[in-house]
Structures are given as structure tokens and as C-alpha cells.
N, C-alpha and C. Protein backbone atom coordinates (compact mmCIF):
# COMPACT_ATOMS: atom_id res chain seq x y z
N MET A 1 0.85 -1.18 0.00
CA MET A 1 0.00 0.00 0.00
C MET A 1 0.90 1.25 0.00
N ALA A 2 0.59 2.19 -0.83
CA ALA A 2 1.40 3.41 -0.96
C ALA A 2 1.22 4.31 0.26
N ASP A 3 2.32 4.94 0.66
CA ASP A 3 2.26 5.91 1.76
C ASP A 3 1.54 7.16 1.31
N LYS A 4 0.59 7.61 2.08
CA LYS A 4 -0.08 8.87 1.78
C LYS A 4 0.46 9.92 2.73
N THR A 5 0.84 11.06 2.16
CA THR A 5 1.35 12.15 2.97
C THR A 5 0.18 12.86 3.61
N LYS A 6 0.29 13.13 4.90
CA LYS A 6 -0.72 13.90 5.61
C LYS A 6 -0.17 15.29 5.86
N TYR A 7 -1.03 16.29 5.76
CA TYR A 7 -0.63 17.66 6.01
C TYR A 7 -1.42 18.19 7.19
N TYR A 8 -0.79 19.07 7.95
CA TYR A 8 -1.43 19.70 9.09
C TYR A 8 -1.21 21.19 8.98
N VAL A 9 -2.18 21.96 9.42
CA VAL A 9 -2.03 23.41 9.48
C VAL A 9 -1.94 23.77 10.96
N LEU A 10 -0.85 24.42 11.34
CA LEU A 10 -0.62 24.80 12.73
C LEU A 10 -0.41 26.29 12.82
N LYS A 11 -0.77 26.84 13.95
CA LYS A 11 -0.40 28.23 14.22
C LYS A 11 1.08 28.24 14.57
N GLU A 12 1.73 29.36 14.30
CA GLU A 12 3.17 29.48 14.52
C GLU A 12 3.58 29.10 15.94
N LYS A 13 2.77 29.46 16.93
CA LYS A 13 3.14 29.19 18.32
C LYS A 13 3.19 27.69 18.63
N ALA A 14 2.60 26.85 17.79
CA ALA A 14 2.61 25.40 18.02
C ALA A 14 3.75 24.69 17.31
N VAL A 15 4.51 25.42 16.49
CA VAL A 15 5.59 24.82 15.71
C VAL A 15 6.89 24.86 16.51
N PRO A 16 7.60 23.73 16.62
CA PRO A 16 8.87 23.72 17.34
C PRO A 16 9.85 24.75 16.75
N GLU A 17 10.66 25.32 17.62
CA GLU A 17 11.58 26.39 17.22
C GLU A 17 12.53 25.96 16.10
N VAL A 18 13.00 24.72 16.12
CA VAL A 18 13.93 24.27 15.08
C VAL A 18 13.29 24.35 13.70
N LEU A 19 12.00 24.05 13.60
CA LEU A 19 11.32 24.11 12.30
C LEU A 19 11.17 25.55 11.82
N LEU A 20 10.90 26.46 12.75
CA LEU A 20 10.81 27.87 12.38
C LEU A 20 12.16 28.38 11.90
N LYS A 21 13.23 27.89 12.50
CA LYS A 21 14.57 28.30 12.08
C LYS A 21 14.91 27.73 10.70
N VAL A 22 14.41 26.54 10.39
CA VAL A 22 14.61 25.98 9.05
C VAL A 22 13.93 26.87 8.02
N VAL A 23 12.71 27.31 8.31
CA VAL A 23 12.00 28.20 7.40
C VAL A 23 12.78 29.49 7.22
N GLU A 24 13.31 30.04 8.30
CA GLU A 24 14.09 31.28 8.21
C GLU A 24 15.36 31.07 7.40
N ALA A 25 16.03 29.95 7.59
CA ALA A 25 17.24 29.66 6.82
C ALA A 25 16.91 29.54 5.33
N LYS A 26 15.81 28.88 5.01
CA LYS A 26 15.40 28.78 3.60
C LYS A 26 15.11 30.16 3.01
N ARG A 27 14.49 31.03 3.81
CA ARG A 27 14.20 32.38 3.34
C ARG A 27 15.49 33.15 3.07
N LEU A 28 16.46 33.01 3.96
CA LEU A 28 17.76 33.68 3.77
C LEU A 28 18.45 33.21 2.49
N ILE A 29 18.42 31.91 2.24
CA ILE A 29 19.04 31.35 1.05
C ILE A 29 18.31 31.83 -0.21
N ASP A 30 16.96 31.73 -0.20
CA ASP A 30 16.16 32.12 -1.36
C ASP A 30 16.29 33.61 -1.69
N SER A 31 16.45 34.44 -0.67
CA SER A 31 16.53 35.88 -0.89
C SER A 31 17.93 36.32 -1.28
N GLY A 32 18.90 35.42 -1.19
CA GLY A 32 20.27 35.77 -1.53
C GLY A 32 21.03 36.48 -0.42
N LYS A 33 20.44 36.55 0.77
CA LYS A 33 21.10 37.22 1.90
C LYS A 33 22.25 36.39 2.46
N THR A 34 22.22 35.10 2.17
CA THR A 34 23.34 34.23 2.52
C THR A 34 23.72 33.45 1.26
N GLU A 35 24.97 33.04 1.20
CA GLU A 35 25.45 32.38 -0.01
C GLU A 35 25.46 30.86 0.08
N SER A 36 25.30 30.32 1.29
CA SER A 36 25.37 28.87 1.44
C SER A 36 24.45 28.40 2.56
N VAL A 37 24.19 27.09 2.55
CA VAL A 37 23.42 26.49 3.63
C VAL A 37 24.19 26.64 4.94
N GLN A 38 25.48 26.45 4.88
CA GLN A 38 26.32 26.59 6.08
C GLN A 38 26.14 27.98 6.70
N GLU A 39 26.21 29.01 5.87
CA GLU A 39 26.08 30.38 6.36
C GLU A 39 24.67 30.63 6.92
N ALA A 40 23.65 30.18 6.23
CA ALA A 40 22.27 30.39 6.68
C ALA A 40 22.00 29.70 8.00
N THR A 41 22.49 28.48 8.14
CA THR A 41 22.25 27.74 9.40
C THR A 41 23.01 28.37 10.56
N GLU A 42 24.19 28.92 10.29
CA GLU A 42 24.92 29.62 11.35
C GLU A 42 24.18 30.87 11.79
N VAL A 43 23.62 31.61 10.83
CA VAL A 43 22.88 32.84 11.15
C VAL A 43 21.68 32.55 12.03
N VAL A 44 20.92 31.50 11.71
CA VAL A 44 19.70 31.21 12.48
C VAL A 44 19.95 30.33 13.70
N GLY A 45 21.13 29.72 13.78
CA GLY A 45 21.49 28.96 14.97
C GLY A 45 21.00 27.53 15.00
N ILE A 46 21.07 26.84 13.85
CA ILE A 46 20.74 25.41 13.81
C ILE A 46 21.87 24.68 13.08
N SER A 47 21.89 23.37 13.23
CA SER A 47 22.89 22.57 12.53
C SER A 47 22.46 22.35 11.08
N ARG A 48 23.45 22.07 10.23
CA ARG A 48 23.12 21.76 8.84
C ARG A 48 22.30 20.48 8.76
N SER A 49 22.56 19.53 9.64
CA SER A 49 21.80 18.27 9.62
C SER A 49 20.33 18.52 9.93
N SER A 50 20.04 19.44 10.85
CA SER A 50 18.64 19.79 11.13
C SER A 50 18.00 20.43 9.91
N PHE A 51 18.75 21.30 9.25
CA PHE A 51 18.23 21.94 8.05
C PHE A 51 17.87 20.90 6.99
N TYR A 52 18.80 20.00 6.69
CA TYR A 52 18.55 19.00 5.66
C TYR A 52 17.47 17.99 6.07
N LYS A 53 17.36 17.74 7.35
CA LYS A 53 16.34 16.79 7.82
C LYS A 53 14.93 17.32 7.57
N TYR A 54 14.72 18.65 7.75
CA TYR A 54 13.37 19.20 7.70
C TYR A 54 13.07 20.10 6.50
N LYS A 55 14.08 20.43 5.69
CA LYS A 55 13.90 21.46 4.66
C LYS A 55 12.77 21.17 3.68
N ASP A 56 12.50 19.92 3.39
CA ASP A 56 11.44 19.59 2.43
C ASP A 56 10.09 19.37 3.09
N ASP A 57 10.05 19.47 4.41
CA ASP A 57 8.82 19.16 5.14
C ASP A 57 8.14 20.37 5.77
N ILE A 58 8.78 21.53 5.76
CA ILE A 58 8.18 22.72 6.36
C ILE A 58 8.33 23.88 5.41
N PHE A 59 7.26 24.66 5.31
CA PHE A 59 7.26 25.85 4.47
C PHE A 59 6.18 26.78 4.98
N PRO A 60 6.34 28.08 4.76
CA PRO A 60 5.29 29.01 5.18
C PRO A 60 3.98 28.66 4.47
N PHE A 61 2.90 28.87 5.14
CA PHE A 61 1.58 28.53 4.62
C PHE A 61 1.35 29.09 3.23
N HIS A 62 1.71 30.34 3.00
CA HIS A 62 1.44 30.99 1.71
C HIS A 62 2.29 30.44 0.58
N ASP A 63 3.45 29.84 0.87
CA ASP A 63 4.34 29.38 -0.19
C ASP A 63 3.72 28.31 -1.07
N ASN A 64 2.86 27.50 -0.52
CA ASN A 64 2.33 26.38 -1.28
C ASN A 64 0.82 26.49 -1.43
N ALA A 65 0.25 27.68 -1.25
CA ALA A 65 -1.19 27.82 -1.24
C ALA A 65 -1.78 28.14 -2.61
N LYS A 66 -0.99 28.65 -3.56
CA LYS A 66 -1.51 29.02 -4.87
C LYS A 66 -2.17 27.82 -5.53
N GLY A 67 -3.35 28.04 -6.09
CA GLY A 67 -4.08 26.97 -6.73
C GLY A 67 -4.83 26.07 -5.76
N MET A 68 -4.86 26.46 -4.51
CA MET A 68 -5.51 25.66 -3.48
C MET A 68 -6.85 26.28 -3.10
N THR A 69 -7.66 25.48 -2.46
CA THR A 69 -8.90 25.96 -1.86
C THR A 69 -8.72 25.90 -0.35
N ILE A 70 -8.98 27.02 0.30
CA ILE A 70 -8.86 27.11 1.75
C ILE A 70 -10.28 27.25 2.30
N THR A 71 -10.64 26.39 3.26
CA THR A 71 -11.94 26.50 3.91
C THR A 71 -11.69 26.87 5.37
N MET A 72 -12.34 27.93 5.80
CA MET A 72 -12.14 28.40 7.17
C MET A 72 -13.48 28.64 7.84
N ILE A 73 -13.46 28.57 9.15
CA ILE A 73 -14.64 28.91 9.94
C ILE A 73 -14.26 30.10 10.81
N ILE A 74 -15.16 31.05 10.85
CA ILE A 74 -14.91 32.27 11.60
C ILE A 74 -16.09 32.48 12.55
N GLN A 75 -15.80 32.62 13.83
CA GLN A 75 -16.84 32.94 14.79
C GLN A 75 -16.77 34.45 15.01
N MET A 76 -17.91 35.11 14.80
CA MET A 76 -17.90 36.57 14.80
C MET A 76 -19.16 37.14 15.42
N ASP A 77 -19.04 38.38 15.91
CA ASP A 77 -20.19 39.08 16.45
C ASP A 77 -21.19 39.38 15.35
N ASP A 78 -22.46 39.42 15.71
CA ASP A 78 -23.51 39.79 14.77
C ASP A 78 -23.63 41.31 14.76
N GLU A 79 -22.75 41.94 13.99
CA GLU A 79 -22.72 43.40 13.90
C GLU A 79 -22.86 43.81 12.45
N PRO A 80 -23.62 44.86 12.19
CA PRO A 80 -23.74 45.34 10.81
C PRO A 80 -22.36 45.70 10.24
N GLY A 81 -22.08 45.22 9.05
CA GLY A 81 -20.84 45.57 8.37
C GLY A 81 -19.66 44.65 8.64
N LEU A 82 -19.74 43.78 9.65
CA LEU A 82 -18.60 42.91 9.97
C LEU A 82 -18.37 41.86 8.88
N LEU A 83 -19.43 41.23 8.41
CA LEU A 83 -19.29 40.27 7.31
C LEU A 83 -18.73 40.96 6.07
N SER A 84 -19.21 42.14 5.81
CA SER A 84 -18.71 42.91 4.67
C SER A 84 -17.22 43.20 4.81
N ALA A 85 -16.77 43.50 6.01
CA ALA A 85 -15.35 43.77 6.24
C ALA A 85 -14.50 42.52 5.99
N VAL A 86 -15.00 41.37 6.43
CA VAL A 86 -14.29 40.11 6.20
C VAL A 86 -14.17 39.85 4.70
N LEU A 87 -15.26 40.03 3.99
CA LEU A 87 -15.26 39.79 2.55
C LEU A 87 -14.36 40.79 1.83
N LYS A 88 -14.26 41.99 2.36
CA LYS A 88 -13.37 42.99 1.76
C LYS A 88 -11.91 42.55 1.86
N TYR A 89 -11.53 41.95 2.99
CA TYR A 89 -10.15 41.44 3.12
C TYR A 89 -9.88 40.40 2.03
N VAL A 90 -10.83 39.50 1.82
CA VAL A 90 -10.66 38.47 0.79
C VAL A 90 -10.50 39.13 -0.58
N ALA A 91 -11.33 40.12 -0.86
CA ALA A 91 -11.25 40.83 -2.14
C ALA A 91 -9.93 41.60 -2.27
N ASP A 92 -9.50 42.24 -1.18
CA ASP A 92 -8.25 43.01 -1.22
C ASP A 92 -7.04 42.13 -1.52
N TYR A 93 -7.11 40.86 -1.11
CA TYR A 93 -6.01 39.93 -1.37
C TYR A 93 -6.18 39.18 -2.69
N HIS A 94 -7.20 39.53 -3.44
CA HIS A 94 -7.46 38.96 -4.77
C HIS A 94 -7.70 37.45 -4.73
N ALA A 95 -8.36 36.99 -3.69
CA ALA A 95 -8.77 35.59 -3.62
C ALA A 95 -10.22 35.52 -4.11
N ASN A 96 -10.64 34.33 -4.50
CA ASN A 96 -11.98 34.16 -5.05
C ASN A 96 -12.83 33.36 -4.07
N ILE A 97 -13.96 33.92 -3.66
CA ILE A 97 -14.86 33.23 -2.73
C ILE A 97 -15.63 32.17 -3.52
N LEU A 98 -15.54 30.93 -3.07
CA LEU A 98 -16.25 29.82 -3.71
C LEU A 98 -17.59 29.56 -3.03
N THR A 99 -17.56 29.47 -1.70
CA THR A 99 -18.80 29.27 -0.94
C THR A 99 -18.75 30.12 0.31
N ILE A 100 -19.94 30.49 0.75
CA ILE A 100 -20.04 31.26 1.99
C ILE A 100 -21.35 30.86 2.67
N HIS A 101 -21.26 30.61 3.96
CA HIS A 101 -22.46 30.28 4.72
C HIS A 101 -22.33 30.90 6.11
N GLN A 102 -23.32 31.68 6.48
CA GLN A 102 -23.34 32.25 7.83
C GLN A 102 -24.54 31.68 8.57
N SER A 103 -24.28 31.21 9.78
CA SER A 103 -25.35 30.65 10.60
C SER A 103 -26.21 31.78 11.16
N ILE A 104 -27.37 31.41 11.62
CA ILE A 104 -28.22 32.37 12.33
C ILE A 104 -27.53 32.67 13.65
N PRO A 105 -27.37 33.95 14.00
CA PRO A 105 -26.68 34.30 15.24
C PRO A 105 -27.39 33.76 16.48
N VAL A 106 -26.60 33.26 17.42
CA VAL A 106 -27.10 32.81 18.71
C VAL A 106 -26.35 33.61 19.76
N ASN A 107 -27.11 34.29 20.61
CA ASN A 107 -26.52 35.15 21.64
C ASN A 107 -25.57 36.19 21.04
N GLY A 108 -25.92 36.69 19.86
CA GLY A 108 -25.14 37.75 19.23
C GLY A 108 -23.88 37.30 18.53
N VAL A 109 -23.71 35.97 18.37
CA VAL A 109 -22.51 35.45 17.71
C VAL A 109 -22.92 34.52 16.58
N ALA A 110 -22.30 34.70 15.41
CA ALA A 110 -22.60 33.87 14.24
C ALA A 110 -21.34 33.13 13.81
N SER A 111 -21.54 31.99 13.16
CA SER A 111 -20.42 31.25 12.58
C SER A 111 -20.47 31.42 11.07
N LEU A 112 -19.33 31.73 10.50
CA LEU A 112 -19.21 31.92 9.07
C LEU A 112 -18.28 30.84 8.54
N THR A 113 -18.74 30.09 7.54
CA THR A 113 -17.88 29.14 6.85
C THR A 113 -17.61 29.71 5.47
N LEU A 114 -16.33 29.80 5.14
CA LEU A 114 -15.91 30.47 3.92
C LEU A 114 -14.89 29.60 3.20
N SER A 115 -15.16 29.31 1.93
CA SER A 115 -14.19 28.60 1.09
C SER A 115 -13.66 29.58 0.07
N VAL A 116 -12.34 29.64 -0.02
CA VAL A 116 -11.67 30.64 -0.86
C VAL A 116 -10.72 29.93 -1.81
N ASP A 117 -10.79 30.30 -3.08
CA ASP A 117 -9.87 29.80 -4.09
C ASP A 117 -8.66 30.73 -4.12
N VAL A 118 -7.47 30.18 -3.91
CA VAL A 118 -6.25 30.97 -3.91
C VAL A 118 -5.70 30.98 -5.33
N LEU A 119 -5.74 32.13 -5.95
CA LEU A 119 -5.35 32.29 -7.35
C LEU A 119 -3.87 32.67 -7.45
N PRO A 120 -3.29 32.58 -8.65
CA PRO A 120 -1.88 33.00 -8.80
C PRO A 120 -1.63 34.45 -8.38
N GLU A 121 -2.62 35.31 -8.56
CA GLU A 121 -2.44 36.73 -8.20
C GLU A 121 -2.83 37.03 -6.75
N THR A 122 -3.27 36.01 -6.01
CA THR A 122 -3.66 36.20 -4.62
C THR A 122 -2.43 36.55 -3.78
N GLY A 123 -2.61 37.49 -2.86
CA GLY A 123 -1.53 37.88 -1.97
C GLY A 123 -1.25 36.81 -0.92
N ASP A 124 -0.50 37.18 0.09
CA ASP A 124 -0.09 36.29 1.17
C ASP A 124 -1.30 35.89 2.01
N ILE A 125 -1.73 34.65 1.88
CA ILE A 125 -2.92 34.17 2.58
C ILE A 125 -2.75 34.22 4.09
N SER A 126 -1.56 33.91 4.59
CA SER A 126 -1.36 33.95 6.04
C SER A 126 -1.53 35.37 6.56
N GLN A 127 -1.12 36.36 5.79
CA GLN A 127 -1.31 37.76 6.17
C GLN A 127 -2.80 38.11 6.15
N MET A 128 -3.53 37.62 5.15
CA MET A 128 -4.97 37.86 5.08
C MET A 128 -5.67 37.29 6.32
N VAL A 129 -5.30 36.07 6.68
CA VAL A 129 -5.89 35.42 7.86
C VAL A 129 -5.60 36.24 9.11
N GLU A 130 -4.36 36.71 9.26
CA GLU A 130 -4.00 37.53 10.42
C GLU A 130 -4.84 38.80 10.48
N GLU A 131 -5.04 39.44 9.34
CA GLU A 131 -5.81 40.68 9.32
C GLU A 131 -7.28 40.42 9.67
N ILE A 132 -7.83 39.33 9.17
CA ILE A 132 -9.22 39.00 9.52
C ILE A 132 -9.32 38.73 11.02
N GLU A 133 -8.38 37.94 11.56
CA GLU A 133 -8.39 37.61 12.99
C GLU A 133 -8.28 38.84 13.87
N SER A 134 -7.57 39.85 13.41
CA SER A 134 -7.37 41.05 14.23
C SER A 134 -8.54 42.03 14.16
N GLN A 135 -9.48 41.78 13.28
CA GLN A 135 -10.65 42.65 13.13
C GLN A 135 -11.49 42.62 14.42
N THR A 136 -11.90 43.77 14.90
CA THR A 136 -12.76 43.84 16.08
C THR A 136 -14.07 43.11 15.78
N GLY A 137 -14.47 42.24 16.70
CA GLY A 137 -15.71 41.48 16.52
C GLY A 137 -15.48 40.06 16.06
N ILE A 138 -14.24 39.73 15.69
CA ILE A 138 -13.90 38.35 15.29
C ILE A 138 -13.40 37.63 16.54
N HIS A 139 -14.08 36.55 16.91
CA HIS A 139 -13.69 35.77 18.09
C HIS A 139 -12.54 34.83 17.77
N TYR A 140 -12.67 34.09 16.66
CA TYR A 140 -11.57 33.25 16.21
C TYR A 140 -11.77 32.86 14.76
N LEU A 141 -10.67 32.45 14.16
CA LEU A 141 -10.67 31.95 12.78
C LEU A 141 -9.88 30.65 12.79
N LYS A 142 -10.45 29.60 12.25
CA LYS A 142 -9.74 28.32 12.16
C LYS A 142 -9.80 27.84 10.72
N ILE A 143 -8.68 27.36 10.24
CA ILE A 143 -8.64 26.78 8.89
C ILE A 143 -9.04 25.33 9.03
N LEU A 144 -10.12 24.98 8.34
CA LEU A 144 -10.65 23.62 8.42
C LEU A 144 -10.00 22.70 7.39
N ALA A 145 -9.74 23.24 6.20
CA ALA A 145 -9.20 22.41 5.13
C ALA A 145 -8.38 23.25 4.18
N ARG A 146 -7.46 22.56 3.55
CA ARG A 146 -6.62 23.17 2.51
C ARG A 146 -6.41 22.08 1.49
N GLU A 147 -7.03 22.22 0.31
CA GLU A 147 -6.92 21.16 -0.69
C GLU A 147 -6.71 21.70 -2.06
């Protein structure tokens, strides 16, 4: 039976420090700020063996999101204009809304399920998610699926 790769979406605070340093080392190499893996790993403070062990297994969320569909659930206050503000963030990042469903508010809080198509011209999805989460009236945002 063939091995199937499983993917997980984690918030940055849940990722071990060594993996975050691998991402940083890759960014340094890709940007040309360092000339070698040795130099990049020294700058971020990890061994080359750690870099090579994890380099193909960790990447920033936005790096591999183009052409993907992201489904998220957002718990938000039932306030006029809040849904419109969320949708404006999606539009500002040039993503395409595929489906949207808002529940009937209970105790002044509604759940919004939103599926977004990440296009080649779409901006940094992780930045979009951060901006939506920081909006007043948003209780939380969770990514349910990325396919």
C-alpha cells in the first residue's frame, strides 16, 4: 500500500523552534542574503543536519497555497458591516470566494464558513488570515481544510 502524505495546518506558536529556524534559513538562502546552507544555518542557529532533515517538510503557509482551496470557519459578532469587512479582506487579497455560509446568530454570535480559491495573483494568505483575525468582533478563525 502506498504511503499517503498527511498535512497539518498549525499556528506558529505550536511549531517547534527548530522548524521555524529551518523556514528562516530557507528564506535567507532564497533571498540571496546568505550564499550557502552553512552560512544560513549559522545565522539562524541550527545545525546543517537539522536543516537537511526538515527542509522539504516545512514551508510558510502561503508558499504552497496558490491553486488551493482554503476552507475556514470564523466565529464573529452579529454586527452590521462585519461580514462585509471580512469579505473585503478576501477581495483586497485577490482571492476568489467559492462558498459562503453564515449561521443564524445565537446570543449575538454567528459562525461563518468560507471557502476561498487561492489564485496565482492572490496575496499572502497567512497575512490575510491575520488581518481578519485582528478585526474587532472576530472571536476566532480556524482553517478547516486546505486542498
